[in-house]
Amino acid sequence: MKKSISLFCIILSLYIVVVFVLDTPSVLADGANDDLSANVTIGTSGPSVGAITCVDGATITLNAETTKILNCSATITDSNGYQDISSVRGTFYNSTTESETGDTQDNYKNATCAFTNAGSGTDRNIECTFTVWYHANPADWTVYFNATDAGELTGNNTATITVNTLVALNVTESIIDFETVALGGTSNEITTAIKNTGNVIIDLNINETLYNGYMNCTDADSDDIQTDAAGTGIRYNTTASFAFDDTSWNLTATNSLADVSWAESSDSGAPTAPTNNLYWLLKLPSSGLKGDCSTVVRISAAQDA
C-alpha cells in the first residue's frame, strides 16, 4: 500500500512540471528592438502670376513719331516663399500674330522687368516696362508675364490691351512761299514734305482756313486772291512738274479730301516715318492785285477708307 502512493506522487510531480514550463513567459533576446529614421523632402512648388494691370488701363494711345511707355504690373506668388522667385520675363505682342517673335509693329519681347518690393511671405511684386513705337499695328495685343523660380519651374499669365488707331502726320515745312509772281503769271512749283507718323494708311484733308477761301492782300487798293477760282488760285498735286491746268486739287475753304493712300512705316526696328510730297502752284489773275498776300493752309490726316 505504501508503494502505490509513491508512484502517484511521481506522476503528479511530472504533470505539474509540464504545466509550469508551458505557462512561463518567453524571454526576448538582445537586439530585438530597433529605431528607424523618418525623412521627407519638401517638393518645390512653381510660381504663379496674379492679374496683370497696366497704367493706361485696357487701351493704349500711341504718340506720333515717337515712343509710348507702357507700364504693367502683377504679384508673383510662390508657396515656397518669395525668396524662391528668381526672375520674370515680359512680352507685349499683337494677338493676331499669336507669336512672341516679330518686329516693332507686332512684338516687344525685351521688356525691362524689375521687382518693386522686397517681398513678404509668398509674394513679390513685379513691374515690366514696354517702349512701344508709334507704328505698332492697331489691334488687340497680349501682355504676357512668365515667372521662374529657383527650381526652374515657371508660371505665367496674360492680359489683353487694345492698341488704338493713330492717324497722324508731320508737315516738315512751315510755309508755302511762292515768292514773287507777276500778274497773270504762274509761280515756281513749291514742294511740301509730309510724313505719316501714325500706324495706319492716311489720306489728306486740306483747306484754306483763315480768309474763307482767299489770300488776303495787304495793299488797300488790292483785291484778294480767290484760292479756288476758275483758271487761277492755288492748286496742288502729288505728282511733280504738273501743269496748272492738269487734273489736280483746288485749295478751297472747306475740307477737300485728297485720296493719297500714304502708308505707315513698316520698319522692323526703330521706325523712320515715310515721307511723301505735295506740290503747289499759284496762278494770278492778270489785274487787280498789289502788295503782299497771305493765308493759312491746314493739312490734316484722315484714315484711308
Foldseek 3Di string as FASTA:
>chain_A
DVVVVVVVVVVVVVVVVVVVVVPDDDDDDPPPDDDDDDDDDDDWFAKAKADKAKPVGQEDEADFLFWDKIKIKTKIFTQVFCLFWDDKWKKKFAVVVVDQDFFLQGIDGHWDKDWPDPGDGGITMMMTMTIHAQQHAFHKMKIKMWIAGPVRHIYIDIDIHTYDWDFFKDWPDDDFDQDDAAAQGKGDKTKIKMFGRHHAFWWKWKAFAFPQQWWDFDDPQADTHRQQDVPFHKWKDQDPPDDPPPDTDTHGHGIDIGQPRHGAFPDRYSTDTDMGMMMMMGGHHNDRHDHDTGTDMDMGIDGHD
